[in-house]
Amino acid sequence: MLKPGESRNARQSIVLPEIFDARLDQHEIFEIDRSGLVLQLRILRRVINEGAEEMEMVAVERVFVDSVSQALTRTARKLYRVSEDLNGLHRMVERAHPPKEPEQSNSRPLPRNRRKKRN
């Protein structure tokens, strides 16, 4: 477990603030991660849509030769589809719940029945 002021994680430049509460339970950590991911997906979707709109406008204005304008239109359509996919992912993450912890059992697992080999 990380303590305030340490940075032993995947992001080496991140240092936990002194006010970090090391007593956060798994549900609180999940909610922090989920809300951060929802925010990033929302931002990413918005930026992709803005880029697609810009490409589409430039293509409609025929600023470039026809082949470039057509490529811009195709790419804008692809970006809109990516944005739609991200929208679906965004909704899934918003509705997500933390995984249930597996039950610890003292019993041994049952052996699997194996098929007999045919000769």
PDB file of N, CA and C in Angstrom:
ATOM      1  N   MET A   1       0.852  -1.171   0.000  1.00  0.00           N
ATOM      2  CA  MET A   1       0.000   0.000   0.000  1.00  0.00           C
ATOM      3  C   MET A   1       0.895   1.229   0.000  1.00  0.00           C
ATOM      4  N   LEU A   2       0.539   2.208  -0.801  1.00  0.00           N
ATOM      5  CA  LEU A   2       1.300   3.449  -0.863  1.00  0.00           C
ATOM      6  C   LEU A   2       0.997   4.318   0.344  1.00  0.00           C
ATOM      7  N   LYS A   3       2.003   5.012   0.773  1.00  0.00           N
ATOM      8  CA  LYS A   3       1.837   5.966   1.858  1.00  0.00           C
ATOM      9  C   LYS A   3       1.963   7.362   1.281  1.00  0.00           C
ATOM     10  N   PRO A   4       1.388   8.360   1.945  1.00  0.00           N
ATOM     11  CA  PRO A   4       1.493   9.728   1.427  1.00  0.00           C
ATOM     12  C   PRO A   4       2.949  10.115   1.166  1.00  0.00           C
ATOM     13  N   GLY A   5       3.167  10.739   0.019  1.00  0.00           N
ATOM     14  CA  GLY A   5       4.506  11.196  -0.337  1.00  0.00           C
ATOM     15  C   GLY A   5       5.290  10.196  -1.169  1.00  0.00           C
ATOM     16  N   GLU A   6       4.825   8.930  -1.261  1.00  0.00           N
ATOM     17  CA  GLU A   6       5.531   7.929  -2.055  1.00  0.00           C
ATOM     18  C   GLU A   6       5.019   7.935  -3.481  1.00  0.00           C
ATOM     19  N   SER A   7       5.847   7.434  -4.401  1.00  0.00           N
ATOM     20  CA  SER A   7       5.415   7.369  -5.791  1.00  0.00           C
ATOM     21  C   SER A   7       5.845   6.048  -6.417  1.00  0.00           C
ATOM     22  N   ARG A   8       5.462   4.937  -5.844  1.00  0.00           N
ATOM     23  CA  ARG A   8       5.791   3.633  -6.407  1.00  0.00           C
ATOM     24  C   ARG A   8       4.577   3.086  -7.142  1.00  0.00           C
ATOM     25  N   ASN A   9       4.308   3.618  -8.305  1.00  0.00           N
ATOM     26  CA  ASN A   9       3.200   3.132  -9.117  1.00  0.00           C
ATOM     27  C   ASN A   9       3.587   3.245 -10.581  1.00  0.00           C
ATOM     28  N   ALA A  10       2.644   2.963 -11.468  1.00  0.00           N
ATOM     29  CA  ALA A  10       2.924   2.998 -12.900  1.00  0.00           C
ATOM     30  C   ALA A  10       3.263   4.402 -13.383  1.00  0.00           C
ATOM     31  N   ARG A  11       2.760   5.388 -12.727  1.00  0.00           N
ATOM     32  CA  ARG A  11       3.034   6.773 -13.105  1.00  0.00           C
ATOM     33  C   ARG A  11       4.088   7.320 -12.131  1.00  0.00           C
ATOM     34  N   GLN A  12       5.301   7.254 -12.519  1.00  0.00           N
ATOM     35  CA  GLN A  12       6.393   7.609 -11.633  1.00  0.00           C
ATOM     36  C   GLN A  12       6.365   9.059 -11.179  1.00  0.00           C
ATOM     37  N   SER A  13       5.754   9.931 -11.955  1.00  0.00           N
ATOM     38  CA  SER A  13       5.764  11.348 -11.600  1.00  0.00           C
ATOM     39  C   SER A  13       4.652  11.712 -10.611  1.00  0.00           C
ATOM     40  N   ILE A  14       3.748  10.786 -10.332  1.00  0.00           N
ATOM     41  CA  ILE A  14       2.632  11.070  -9.434  1.00  0.00           C
ATOM     42  C   ILE A  14       3.070  10.838  -7.988  1.00  0.00           C
ATOM     43  N   VAL A  15       2.852  11.830  -7.170  1.00  0.00           N
ATOM     44  CA  VAL A  15       3.131  11.717  -5.743  1.00  0.00           C
ATOM     45  C   VAL A  15       1.817  11.966  -5.015  1.00  0.00           C
ATOM     46  N   LEU A  16       1.485  11.051  -4.101  1.00  0.00           N
ATOM     47  CA  LEU A  16       0.230  11.199  -3.375  1.00  0.00           C
ATOM     48  C   LEU A  16       0.320  12.391  -2.434  1.00  0.00           C
ATOM     49  N   PRO A  17      -0.717  13.193  -2.391  1.00  0.00           N
ATOM     50  CA  PRO A  17      -0.685  14.339  -1.494  1.00  0.00           C
ATOM     51  C   PRO A  17      -0.724  13.883  -0.037  1.00  0.00           C
ATOM     52  N   GLU A  18      -0.291  14.758   0.835  1.00  0.00           N
ATOM     53  CA  GLU A  18      -0.266  14.440   2.257  1.00  0.00           C
ATOM     54  C   GLU A  18      -1.662  14.200   2.813  1.00  0.00           C
ATOM     55  N   ILE A  19      -2.684  14.724   2.155  1.00  0.00           N
ATOM     56  CA  ILE A  19      -4.035  14.554   2.670  1.00  0.00           C
ATOM     57  C   ILE A  19      -4.669  13.254   2.184  1.00  0.00           C
ATOM     58  N   PHE A  20      -3.924  12.423   1.426  1.00  0.00           N
ATOM     59  CA  PHE A  20      -4.441  11.159   0.931  1.00  0.00           C
ATOM     60  C   PHE A  20      -4.821  10.266   2.109  1.00  0.00           C
ATOM     61  N   ASP A  21      -6.028   9.731   2.069  1.00  0.00           N
ATOM     62  CA  ASP A  21      -6.511   8.868   3.143  1.00  0.00           C
ATOM     63  C   ASP A  21      -6.220   7.418   2.764  1.00  0.00           C
ATOM     64  N   ALA A  22      -5.292   6.794   3.438  1.00  0.00           N
ATOM     65  CA  ALA A  22      -4.908   5.418   3.146  1.00  0.00           C
ATOM     66  C   ALA A  22      -5.988   4.432   3.585  1.00  0.00           C
ATOM     67  N   ARG A  23      -7.026   4.919   4.230  1.00  0.00           N
ATOM     68  CA  ARG A  23      -8.079   4.038   4.714  1.00  0.00           C
ATOM     69  C   ARG A  23      -9.241   3.927   3.741  1.00  0.00           C
ATOM     70  N   LEU A  24      -9.072   4.368   2.512  1.00  0.00           N
ATOM     71  CA  LEU A  24     -10.144   4.242   1.523  1.00  0.00           C
ATOM     72  C   LEU A  24     -10.437   2.768   1.289  1.00  0.00           C
ATOM     73  N   ASP A  25     -11.705   2.418   1.245  1.00  0.00           N
ATOM     74  CA  ASP A  25     -12.031   1.024   0.962  1.00  0.00           C
ATOM     75  C   ASP A  25     -12.085   0.814  -0.554  1.00  0.00           C
ATOM     76  N   GLN A  26     -12.239  -0.438  -0.961  1.00  0.00           N
ATOM     77  CA  GLN A  26     -12.206  -0.778  -2.383  1.00  0.00           C
ATOM     78  C   GLN A  26     -13.329  -0.109  -3.162  1.00  0.00           C
ATOM     79  N   HIS A  27     -14.490   0.056  -2.542  1.00  0.00           N
ATOM     80  CA  HIS A  27     -15.612   0.699  -3.231  1.00  0.00           C
ATOM     81  C   HIS A  27     -15.305   2.173  -3.508  1.00  0.00           C
ATOM     82  N   GLU A  28     -14.711   2.859  -2.553  1.00  0.00           N
ATOM     83  CA  GLU A  28     -14.354   4.268  -2.748  1.00  0.00           C
ATOM     84  C   GLU A  28     -13.289   4.412  -3.834  1.00  0.00           C
ATOM     85  N   ILE A  29     -12.323   3.518  -3.846  1.00  0.00           N
ATOM     86  CA  ILE A  29     -11.282   3.550  -4.882  1.00  0.00           C
ATOM     87  C   ILE A  29     -11.913   3.294  -6.248  1.00  0.00           C
ATOM     88  N   PHE A  30     -12.831   2.326  -6.305  1.00  0.00           N
ATOM     89  CA  PHE A  30     -13.533   2.052  -7.557  1.00  0.00           C
ATOM     90  C   PHE A  30     -14.268   3.291  -8.051  1.00  0.00           C
ATOM     91  N   GLU A  31     -14.980   3.976  -7.155  1.00  0.00           N
ATOM     92  CA  GLU A  31     -15.740   5.159  -7.547  1.00  0.00           C
ATOM     93  C   GLU A  31     -14.828   6.280  -8.041  1.00  0.00           C
ATOM     94  N   ILE A  32     -13.675   6.440  -7.415  1.00  0.00           N
ATOM     95  CA  ILE A  32     -12.717   7.458  -7.861  1.00  0.00           C
ATOM     96  C   ILE A  32     -12.234   7.120  -9.268  1.00  0.00           C
ATOM     97  N   ASP A  33     -11.857   5.856  -9.488  1.00  0.00           N
ATOM     98  CA  ASP A  33     -11.381   5.434 -10.811  1.00  0.00           C
ATOM     99  C   ASP A  33     -12.486   5.551 -11.854  1.00  0.00           C
ATOM    100  N   ARG A  34     -13.691   5.118 -11.493  1.00  0.00           N
ATOM    101  CA  ARG A  34     -14.804   5.153 -12.437  1.00  0.00           C
ATOM    102  C   ARG A  34     -15.144   6.580 -12.839  1.00  0.00           C
ATOM    103  N   SER A  35     -15.223   7.478 -11.864  1.00  0.00           N
ATOM    104  CA  SER A  35     -15.573   8.864 -12.199  1.00  0.00           C
ATOM    105  C   SER A  35     -14.464   9.527 -13.025  1.00  0.00           C
ATOM    106  N   GLY A  36     -13.216   9.199 -12.754  1.00  0.00           N
ATOM    107  CA  GLY A  36     -12.119   9.733 -13.567  1.00  0.00           C
ATOM    108  C   GLY A  36     -12.178   9.234 -14.996  1.00  0.00           C
ATOM    109  N   LEU A  37     -12.498   7.955 -15.158  1.00  0.00           N
ATOM    110  CA  LEU A  37     -12.596   7.390 -16.497  1.00  0.00           C
ATOM    111  C   LEU A  37     -13.791   7.968 -17.251  1.00  0.00           C
ATOM    112  N   VAL A  38     -14.913   8.164 -16.564  1.00  0.00           N
ATOM    113  CA  VAL A  38     -16.087   8.780 -17.188  1.00  0.00           C
ATOM    114  C   VAL A  38     -15.731  10.176 -17.701  1.00  0.00           C
ATOM    115  N   LEU A  39     -15.023  10.932 -16.903  1.00  0.00           N
ATOM    116  CA  LEU A  39     -14.609  12.277 -17.309  1.00  0.00           C
ATOM    117  C   LEU A  39     -13.697  12.222 -18.534  1.00  0.00           C
ATOM    118  N   GLN A  40     -12.717  11.313 -18.533  1.00  0.00           N
ATOM    119  CA  GLN A  40     -11.801  11.202 -19.674  1.00  0.00           C
ATOM    120  C   GLN A  40     -12.532  10.781 -20.941  1.00  0.00           C
ATOM    121  N   LEU A  41     -13.470   9.859 -20.822  1.00  0.00           N
ATOM    122  CA  LEU A  41     -14.240   9.430 -22.000  1.00  0.00           C
ATOM    123  C   LEU A  41     -15.097  10.564 -22.540  1.00  0.00           C
ATOM    124  N   ARG A  42     -15.680  11.344 -21.654  1.00  0.00           N
ATOM    125  CA  ARG A  42     -16.503  12.488 -22.071  1.00  0.00           C
ATOM    126  C   ARG A  42     -15.635  13.505 -22.828  1.00  0.00           C
ATOM    127  N   ILE A  43     -14.461  13.804 -22.289  1.00  0.00           N
ATOM    128  CA  ILE A  43     -13.544  14.762 -22.924  1.00  0.00           C
ATOM    129  C   ILE A  43     -13.085  14.238 -24.278  1.00  0.00           C
ATOM    130  N   LEU A  44     -12.689  12.969 -24.323  1.00  0.00           N
ATOM    131  CA  LEU A  44     -12.202  12.375 -25.561  1.00  0.00           C
ATOM    132  C   LEU A  44     -13.282  12.385 -26.640  1.00  0.00           C
ATOM    133  N   ARG A  45     -14.506  12.028 -26.261  1.00  0.00           N
ATOM    134  CA  ARG A  45     -15.611  12.025 -27.221  1.00  0.00           C
ATOM    135  C   ARG A  45     -15.866  13.422 -27.764  1.00  0.00           C
ATOM    136  N   ARG A  46     -15.845  14.425 -26.885  1.00  0.00           N
ATOM    137  CA  ARG A  46     -16.083  15.804 -27.316  1.00  0.00           C
ATOM    138  C   ARG A  46     -14.996  16.268 -28.279  1.00  0.00           C
ATOM    139  N   VAL A  47     -13.742  15.984 -27.967  1.00  0.00           N
ATOM    140  CA  VAL A  47     -12.631  16.420 -28.822  1.00  0.00           C
ATOM    141  C   VAL A  47     -12.687  15.721 -30.173  1.00  0.00           C
ATOM    142  N   ILE A  48     -13.020  14.440 -30.183  1.00  0.00           N
ATOM    143  CA  ILE A  48     -13.131  13.719 -31.456  1.00  0.00           C
ATOM    144  C   ILE A  48     -14.260  14.308 -32.300  1.00  0.00           C
ATOM    145  N   ASN A  49     -15.398  14.601 -31.683  1.00  0.00           N
ATOM    146  CA  ASN A  49     -16.506  15.218 -32.423  1.00  0.00           C
ATOM    147  C   ASN A  49     -16.113  16.576 -32.990  1.00  0.00           C
ATOM    148  N   GLU A  50     -15.432  17.375 -32.200  1.00  0.00           N
ATOM    149  CA  GLU A  50     -15.005  18.691 -32.687  1.00  0.00           C
ATOM    150  C   GLU A  50     -14.050  18.557 -33.866  1.00  0.00           C
ATOM    151  N   GLY A  51     -13.129  17.612 -33.794  1.00  0.00           N
ATOM    152  CA  GLY A  51     -12.201  17.385 -34.900  1.00  0.00           C
ATOM    153  C   GLY A  51     -12.917  16.916 -36.152  1.00  0.00           C
ATOM    154  N   ALA A  52     -13.885  16.019 -35.973  1.00  0.00           N
ATOM    155  CA  ALA A  52     -14.653  15.525 -37.120  1.00  0.00           C
ATOM    156  C   ALA A  52     -15.454  16.646 -37.761  1.00  0.00           C
ATOM    157  N   GLU A  53     -16.070  17.494 -36.939  1.00  0.00           N
ATOM    158  CA  GLU A  53     -16.833  18.627 -37.477  1.00  0.00           C
ATOM    159  C   GLU A  53     -15.938  19.567 -38.268  1.00  0.00           C
ATOM    160  N   GLU A  54     -14.761  19.837 -37.729  1.00  0.00           N
ATOM    161  CA  GLU A  54     -13.822  20.726 -38.415  1.00  0.00           C
ATOM    162  C   GLU A  54     -13.403  20.141 -39.762  1.00  0.00           C
ATOM    163  N   MET A  55     -13.081  18.847 -39.780  1.00  0.00           N
ATOM    164  CA  MET A  55     -12.699  18.197 -41.040  1.00  0.00           C
ATOM    165  C   MET A  55     -13.841  18.244 -42.043  1.00  0.00           C
ATOM    166  N   GLU A  56     -15.044  17.996 -41.557  1.00  0.00           N
ATOM    167  CA  GLU A  56     -16.205  18.002 -42.435  1.00  0.00           C
ATOM    168  C   GLU A  56     -16.449  19.388 -43.027  1.00  0.00           C
ATOM    169  N   MET A  57     -16.301  20.424 -42.225  1.00  0.00           N
ATOM    170  CA  MET A  57     -16.500  21.793 -42.721  1.00  0.00           C
ATOM    171  C   MET A  57     -15.462  22.156 -43.774  1.00  0.00           C
ATOM    172  N   VAL A  58     -14.209  21.788 -43.528  1.00  0.00           N
ATOM    173  CA  VAL A  58     -13.151  22.086 -44.500  1.00  0.00           C
ATOM    174  C   VAL A  58     -13.417  21.331 -45.795  1.00  0.00           C
ATOM    175  N   ALA A  59     -13.885  20.088 -45.679  1.00  0.00           N
ATOM    176  CA  ALA A  59     -14.176  19.300 -46.879  1.00  0.00           C
ATOM    177  C   ALA A  59     -15.324  19.917 -47.674  1.00  0.00           C
ATOM    178  N   VAL A  60     -16.371  20.383 -46.985  1.00  0.00           N
ATOM    179  CA  VAL A  60     -17.525  20.995 -47.658  1.00  0.00           C
ATOM    180  C   VAL A  60     -17.135  22.297 -48.343  1.00  0.00           C
ATOM    181  N   GLU A  61     -16.223  23.046 -47.720  1.00  0.00           N
ATOM    182  CA  GLU A  61     -15.794  24.327 -48.296  1.00  0.00           C
ATOM    183  C   GLU A  61     -14.867  24.147 -49.487  1.00  0.00           C
ATOM    184  N   ARG A  62     -14.438  22.907 -49.747  1.00  0.00           N
ATOM    185  CA  ARG A  62     -13.548  22.598 -50.880  1.00  0.00           C
ATOM    186  C   ARG A  62     -12.274  23.446 -50.846  1.00  0.00           C
ATOM    187  N   VAL A  63     -11.686  23.537 -49.673  1.00  0.00           N
ATOM    188  CA  VAL A  63     -10.433  24.271 -49.510  1.00  0.00           C
ATOM    189  C   VAL A  63      -9.315  23.570 -50.276  1.00  0.00           C
ATOM    190  N   PHE A  64      -9.370  22.245 -50.318  1.00  0.00           N
ATOM    191  CA  PHE A  64      -8.336  21.444 -50.985  1.00  0.00           C
ATOM    192  C   PHE A  64      -8.898  20.822 -52.256  1.00  0.00           C
ATOM    193  N   VAL A  65      -8.050  20.131 -52.979  1.00  0.00           N
ATOM    194  CA  VAL A  65      -8.508  19.425 -54.182  1.00  0.00           C
ATOM    195  C   VAL A  65      -9.511  18.352 -53.778  1.00  0.00           C
ATOM    196  N   ASP A  66     -10.265  17.865 -54.767  1.00  0.00           N
ATOM    197  CA  ASP A  66     -11.349  16.914 -54.488  1.00  0.00           C
ATOM    198  C   ASP A  66     -10.877  15.670 -53.736  1.00  0.00           C
ATOM    199  N   SER A  67      -9.744  15.117 -54.109  1.00  0.00           N
ATOM    200  CA  SER A  67      -9.285  13.886 -53.455  1.00  0.00           C
ATOM    201  C   SER A  67      -9.029  14.107 -51.963  1.00  0.00           C
ATOM    202  N   VAL A  68      -8.481  15.270 -51.616  1.00  0.00           N
ATOM    203  CA  VAL A  68      -8.227  15.581 -50.205  1.00  0.00           C
ATOM    204  C   VAL A  68      -9.548  15.843 -49.488  1.00  0.00           C
ATOM    205  N   SER A  69     -10.452  16.557 -50.126  1.00  0.00           N
ATOM    206  CA  SER A  69     -11.758  16.818 -49.518  1.00  0.00           C
ATOM    207  C   SER A  69     -12.514  15.523 -49.258  1.00  0.00           C
ATOM    208  N   GLN A  70     -12.450  14.588 -50.205  1.00  0.00           N
ATOM    209  CA  GLN A  70     -13.107  13.296 -50.019  1.00  0.00           C
ATOM    210  C   GLN A  70     -12.472  12.512 -48.865  1.00  0.00           C
ATOM    211  N   ALA A  71     -11.160  12.568 -48.776  1.00  0.00           N
ATOM    212  CA  ALA A  71     -10.472  11.889 -47.673  1.00  0.00           C
ATOM    213  C   ALA A  71     -10.857  12.502 -46.334  1.00  0.00           C
ATOM    214  N   LEU A  72     -10.984  13.826 -46.294  1.00  0.00           N
ATOM    215  CA  LEU A  72     -11.418  14.489 -45.059  1.00  0.00           C
ATOM    216  C   LEU A  72     -12.831  14.063 -44.665  1.00  0.00           C
ATOM    217  N   THR A  73     -13.710  13.954 -45.641  1.00  0.00           N
ATOM    218  CA  THR A  73     -15.082  13.522 -45.370  1.00  0.00           C
ATOM    219  C   THR A  73     -15.111  12.093 -44.838  1.00  0.00           C
ATOM    220  N   ARG A  74     -14.344  11.199 -45.476  1.00  0.00           N
ATOM    221  CA  ARG A  74     -14.278   9.800 -45.015  1.00  0.00           C
ATOM    222  C   ARG A  74     -13.742   9.719 -43.587  1.00  0.00           C
ATOM    223  N   THR A  75     -12.688  10.471 -43.329  1.00  0.00           N
ATOM    224  CA  THR A  75     -12.092  10.445 -41.996  1.00  0.00           C
ATOM    225  C   THR A  75     -13.037  11.025 -40.954  1.00  0.00           C
ATOM    226  N   ALA A  76     -13.759  12.070 -41.310  1.00  0.00           N
ATOM    227  CA  ALA A  76     -14.734  12.651 -40.385  1.00  0.00           C
ATOM    228  C   ALA A  76     -15.805  11.622 -40.036  1.00  0.00           C
ATOM    229  N   ARG A  77     -16.273  10.869 -41.018  1.00  0.00           N
ATOM    230  CA  ARG A  77     -17.280   9.831 -40.758  1.00  0.00           C
ATOM    231  C   ARG A  77     -16.727   8.755 -39.828  1.00  0.00           C
ATOM    232  N   LYS A  78     -15.484   8.361 -40.067  1.00  0.00           N
ATOM    233  CA  LYS A  78     -14.851   7.359 -39.190  1.00  0.00           C
ATOM    234  C   LYS A  78     -14.734   7.888 -37.764  1.00  0.00           C
ATOM    235  N   LEU A  79     -14.371   9.151 -37.639  1.00  0.00           N
ATOM    236  CA  LEU A  79     -14.259   9.739 -36.307  1.00  0.00           C
ATOM    237  C   LEU A  79     -15.609   9.799 -35.606  1.00  0.00           C
ATOM    238  N   TYR A  80     -16.675  10.097 -36.352  1.00  0.00           N
ATOM    239  CA  TYR A  80     -18.014  10.094 -35.759  1.00  0.00           C
ATOM    240  C   TYR A  80     -18.374   8.698 -35.240  1.00  0.00           C
ATOM    241  N   ARG A  81     -17.983   7.652 -36.008  1.00  0.00           N
ATOM    242  CA  ARG A  81     -18.257   6.283 -35.555  1.00  0.00           C
ATOM    243  C   ARG A  81     -17.461   5.954 -34.294  1.00  0.00           C
ATOM    244  N   VAL A  82     -16.216   6.393 -34.243  1.00  0.00           N
ATOM    245  CA  VAL A  82     -15.407   6.176 -33.035  1.00  0.00           C
ATOM    246  C   VAL A  82     -16.058   6.876 -31.849  1.00  0.00           C
ATOM    247  N   SER A  83     -16.550   8.073 -32.076  1.00  0.00           N
ATOM    248  CA  SER A  83     -17.223   8.820 -31.018  1.00  0.00           C
ATOM    249  C   SER A  83     -18.470   8.085 -30.526  1.00  0.00           C
ATOM    250  N   GLU A  84     -19.215   7.479 -31.447  1.00  0.00           N
ATOM    251  CA  GLU A  84     -20.388   6.698 -31.056  1.00  0.00           C
ATOM    252  C   GLU A  84     -19.988   5.491 -30.216  1.00  0.00           C
ATOM    253  N   ASP A  85     -18.886   4.833 -30.610  1.00  0.00           N
ATOM    254  CA  ASP A  85     -18.386   3.699 -29.816  1.00  0.00           C
ATOM    255  C   ASP A  85     -17.996   4.154 -28.415  1.00  0.00           C
ATOM    256  N   LEU A  86     -17.337   5.297 -28.340  1.00  0.00           N
ATOM    257  CA  LEU A  86     -16.948   5.828 -27.035  1.00  0.00           C
ATOM    258  C   LEU A  86     -18.165   6.204 -26.216  1.00  0.00           C
ATOM    259  N   ASN A  87     -19.219   6.649 -26.865  1.00  0.00           N
ATOM    260  CA  ASN A  87     -20.448   6.975 -26.156  1.00  0.00           C
ATOM    261  C   ASN A  87     -21.021   5.723 -25.490  1.00  0.00           C
ATOM    262  N   GLY A  88     -21.011   4.605 -26.206  1.00  0.00           N
ATOM    263  CA  GLY A  88     -21.476   3.349 -25.630  1.00  0.00           C
ATOM    264  C   GLY A  88     -20.608   2.909 -24.466  1.00  0.00           C
ATOM    265  N   LEU A  89     -19.302   3.039 -24.625  1.00  0.00           N
ATOM    266  CA  LEU A  89     -18.380   2.690 -23.547  1.00  0.00           C
ATOM    267  C   LEU A  89     -18.587   3.607 -22.348  1.00  0.00           C
ATOM    268  N   HIS A  90     -18.803   4.885 -22.622  1.00  0.00           N
ATOM    269  CA  HIS A  90     -19.063   5.859 -21.569  1.00  0.00           C
ATOM    270  C   HIS A  90     -20.287   5.451 -20.744  1.00  0.00           C
ATOM    271  N   ARG A  91     -21.359   5.060 -21.425  1.00  0.00           N
ATOM    272  CA  ARG A  91     -22.571   4.632 -20.714  1.00  0.00           C
ATOM    273  C   ARG A  91     -22.315   3.373 -19.894  1.00  0.00           C
ATOM    274  N   MET A  92     -21.534   2.431 -20.455  1.00  0.00           N
ATOM    275  CA  MET A  92     -21.215   1.203 -19.719  1.00  0.00           C
ATOM    276  C   MET A  92     -20.433   1.503 -18.446  1.00  0.00           C
ATOM    277  N   VAL A  93     -19.447   2.392 -18.551  1.00  0.00           N
ATOM    278  CA  VAL A  93     -18.619   2.728 -17.392  1.00  0.00           C
ATOM    279  C   VAL A  93     -19.460   3.466 -16.358  1.00  0.00           C
ATOM    280  N   GLU A  94     -20.357   4.338 -16.810  1.00  0.00           N
ATOM    281  CA  GLU A  94     -21.225   5.053 -15.868  1.00  0.00           C
ATOM    282  C   GLU A  94     -22.091   4.095 -15.057  1.00  0.00           C
ATOM    283  N   ARG A  95     -22.547   3.022 -15.688  1.00  0.00           N
ATOM    284  CA  ARG A  95     -23.427   2.067 -15.002  1.00  0.00           C
ATOM    285  C   ARG A  95     -22.668   0.966 -14.277  1.00  0.00           C
ATOM    286  N   ALA A  96     -21.354   0.940 -14.415  1.00  0.00           N
ATOM    287  CA  ALA A  96     -20.554  -0.161 -13.869  1.00  0.00           C
ATOM    288  C   ALA A  96     -20.596  -0.205 -12.349  1.00  0.00           C
ATOM    289  N   HIS A  97     -20.460  -1.402 -11.843  1.00  0.00           N
ATOM    290  CA  HIS A  97     -20.371  -1.645 -10.408  1.00  0.00           C
ATOM    291  C   HIS A  97     -19.075  -2.402 -10.136  1.00  0.00           C
ATOM    292  N   PRO A  98     -18.538  -2.276  -8.943  1.00  0.00           N
ATOM    293  CA  PRO A  98     -17.308  -3.025  -8.652  1.00  0.00           C
ATOM    294  C   PRO A  98     -17.579  -4.519  -8.704  1.00  0.00           C
ATOM    295  N   PRO A  99     -16.579  -5.300  -9.100  1.00  0.00           N
ATOM    296  CA  PRO A  99     -16.782  -6.752  -9.142  1.00  0.00           C
ATOM    297  C   PRO A  99     -16.979  -7.294  -7.731  1.00  0.00           C
ATOM    298  N   LYS A 100     -17.784  -8.336  -7.641  1.00  0.00           N
ATOM    299  CA  LYS A 100     -17.989  -8.965  -6.342  1.00  0.00           C
ATOM    300  C   LYS A 100     -16.743  -9.757  -5.997  1.00  0.00           C
ATOM    301  N   GLU A 101     -16.375  -9.691  -4.737  1.00  0.00           N
ATOM    302  CA  GLU A 101     -15.193 -10.429  -4.303  1.00  0.00           C
ATOM    303  C   GLU A 101     -15.522 -11.908  -4.287  1.00  0.00           C
ATOM    304  N   PRO A 102     -14.604 -12.751  -4.763  1.00  0.00           N
ATOM    305  CA  PRO A 102     -14.875 -14.194  -4.765  1.00  0.00           C
ATOM    306  C   PRO A 102     -14.961 -14.710  -3.333  1.00  0.00           C
ATOM    307  N   GLU A 103     -15.866 -15.655  -3.149  1.00  0.00           N
ATOM    308  CA  GLU A 103     -16.022 -16.231  -1.827  1.00  0.00           C
ATOM    309  C   GLU A 103     -14.852 -17.158  -1.538  1.00  0.00           C
ATOM    310  N   GLN A 104     -14.338 -17.076  -0.338  1.00  0.00           N
ATOM    311  CA  GLN A 104     -13.261 -17.956   0.087  1.00  0.00           C
ATOM    312  C   GLN A 104     -13.889 -19.224   0.647  1.00  0.00           C
ATOM    313  N   SER A 105     -13.502 -20.347   0.129  1.00  0.00           N
ATOM    314  CA  SER A 105     -14.068 -21.610   0.565  1.00  0.00           C
ATOM    315  C   SER A 105     -12.962 -22.498   1.102  1.00  0.00           C
ATOM    316  N   ASN A 106     -13.251 -23.188   2.184  1.00  0.00           N
ATOM    317  CA  ASN A 106     -12.276 -24.112   2.761  1.00  0.00           C
ATOM    318  C   ASN A 106     -12.364 -25.478   2.107  1.00  0.00           C
ATOM    319  N   SER A 107     -13.434 -25.726   1.351  1.00  0.00           N
ATOM    320  CA  SER A 107     -13.578 -27.034   0.727  1.00  0.00           C
ATOM    321  C   SER A 107     -12.696 -27.125  -0.508  1.00  0.00           C
ATOM    322  N   ARG A 108     -12.303 -28.359  -0.799  1.00  0.00           N
ATOM    323  CA  ARG A 108     -11.471 -28.591  -1.976  1.00  0.00           C
ATOM    324  C   ARG A 108     -12.344 -28.630  -3.214  1.00  0.00           C
ATOM    325  N   PRO A 109     -11.828 -28.181  -4.340  1.00  0.00           N
ATOM    326  CA  PRO A 109     -12.634 -28.238  -5.567  1.00  0.00           C
ATOM    327  C   PRO A 109     -12.884 -29.679  -5.972  1.00  0.00           C
ATOM    328  N   LEU A 110     -14.052 -29.911  -6.574  1.00  0.00           N
ATOM    329  CA  LEU A 110     -14.391 -31.247  -7.026  1.00  0.00           C
ATOM    330  C   LEU A 110     -13.587 -31.585  -8.275  1.00  0.00           C
ATOM    331  N   PRO A 111     -13.155 -32.844  -8.404  1.00  0.00           N
ATOM    332  CA  PRO A 111     -12.407 -33.219  -9.612  1.00  0.00           C
ATOM    333  C   PRO A 111     -13.331 -33.214 -10.816  1.00  0.00           C
ATOM    334  N   ARG A 112     -12.770 -32.884 -11.956  1.00  0.00           N
ATOM    335  CA  ARG A 112     -13.542 -32.851 -13.194  1.00  0.00           C
ATOM    336  C   ARG A 112     -13.659 -34.253 -13.764  1.00  0.00           C
ATOM    337  N   ASN A 113     -14.805 -34.546 -14.320  1.00  0.00           N
ATOM    338  CA  ASN A 113     -14.977 -35.828 -15.011  1.00  0.00           C
ATOM    339  C   ASN A 113     -14.297 -35.723 -16.354  1.00  0.00           C
ATOM    340  N   ARG A 114     -13.462 -36.695 -16.641  1.00  0.00           N
ATOM    341  CA  ARG A 114     -12.742 -36.687 -17.915  1.00  0.00           C
ATOM    342  C   ARG A 114     -13.300 -37.775 -18.816  1.00  0.00           C
ATOM    343  N   ARG A 115     -13.345 -37.472 -20.086  1.00  0.00           N
ATOM    344  CA  ARG A 115     -13.826 -38.458 -21.047  1.00  0.00           C
ATOM    345  C   ARG A 115     -12.773 -39.537 -21.255  1.00  0.00           C
ATOM    346  N   LYS A 116     -13.276 -40.720 -21.468  1.00  0.00           N
ATOM    347  CA  LYS A 116     -12.360 -41.826 -21.749  1.00  0.00           C
ATOM    348  C   LYS A 116     -11.914 -41.733 -23.193  1.00  0.00           C
ATOM    349  N   LYS A 117     -10.677 -42.082 -23.429  1.00  0.00           N
ATOM    350  CA  LYS A 117     -10.142 -42.057 -24.788  1.00  0.00           C
ATOM    351  C   LYS A 117     -10.627 -43.281 -25.544  1.00  0.00           C
ATOM    352  N   ARG A 118     -10.996 -43.060 -26.799  1.00  0.00           N
ATOM    353  CA  ARG A 118     -11.408 -44.190 -27.657  1.00  0.00           C
ATOM    354  C   ARG A 118     -10.176 -44.782 -28.300  1.00  0.00           C
ATOM    355  N   ASN A 119     -10.219 -46.081 -28.438  1.00  0.00           N
ATOM    356  CA  ASN A 119      -9.082 -46.764 -29.083  1.00  0.00           C
ATOM    357  C   ASN A 119      -9.270 -46.832 -30.550  1.00  0.00           C
TER     358      ASN A 119
END
